[in-house]
Amino acid sequence: EYFSPSQVGWKAMESNLSDLAAMGADPQYALVGLTLRSDATVELVDGIYEGLYASADRCGMEVIGGDITHGEVMVLAITLIGQVDEENLCLRSSACPGDRIWVSGSLGGSAAGLKLLLEGVEGFEEVKRKHLEPVARLDISRSVRGRAHAMEDVSDGLASEVRNICIASGCGAVVSGDKVPIDPEVRRAAEVLRRDPLDWALFGGEDFELVYTAPEGARMPGYEVGVVTEGEGVYIERGERRELLTRWGYDHFHCSL
């Protein structure tokens, strides 16, 4: 309803590129599988592939094949092949207590954009674009690989991604809510919609920024938002309060926020 066919193709490709970025990999090749309903038009297919190729061209990646089939529902499935030297490979399981937690850019914009679209709010075009046309942070990935200990992309919300890193690494974390970067226009949208913008950043997802850990004192790009700790659990600090997080954002197997 809100996406043009080109935006569908673009976002599908960028969301997959973000997974490669999270591991420090450079994209090489893409395979695209497309299932179409009987009422699909040539304009729809051309638009989707326009977005796919625009995203691939942005990062110098080749679309080398795939398949188009007929079905009852439309499905767009993308497989990417990337390359990274073993010493630069970033995993979610390598965070260490004392590491600082960093994010590559502002969070909450995609959730804000979706809410604006659902509510039919006029204006805020740049915020809406964060939902419709995200950009995978391959630039930051290349900058931090080999230096970051652990890394994830923020596809399901900052809280969920920090939790994933902590579980895989056997540690805990404290995130400072006051340090989480949120764009001024997203804050203004939150005022209009009477929402807490930090909730969008923590639980909204689809920002496709990166969250990574690095030793204390390391000079990293982005914004320092927290610290990895001994023990278990992810805590959020807001002013003088520290609260154990029990919400985790989008769950692909329970489809809940």
Foldseek 3Di string as FASTA:
>chain_A
DPAQLLLQLQLQQQVQVLQCLQFLWQWAEKAKEKEAEPPDDPNSVVNNVNNNVVNCVVRVYYHDYYYYHYDPDIDIDMDIDTDDPPLQTAALQFDDFQWFKFWQAAFLLQLLLVVCVVVVPPDPVVSVCLNRRAHAPSVQSNVCGNFFRHKDWFAFAQQQSQQSSCVSHVWEKEFELVFRHHDPSSVVSCVVVVHDSSCSRGAVGPSNIMMTIGHPPDDGHGTGTIGIHHDYFYWYDDPPDIGTDPDHHADPVVGDD
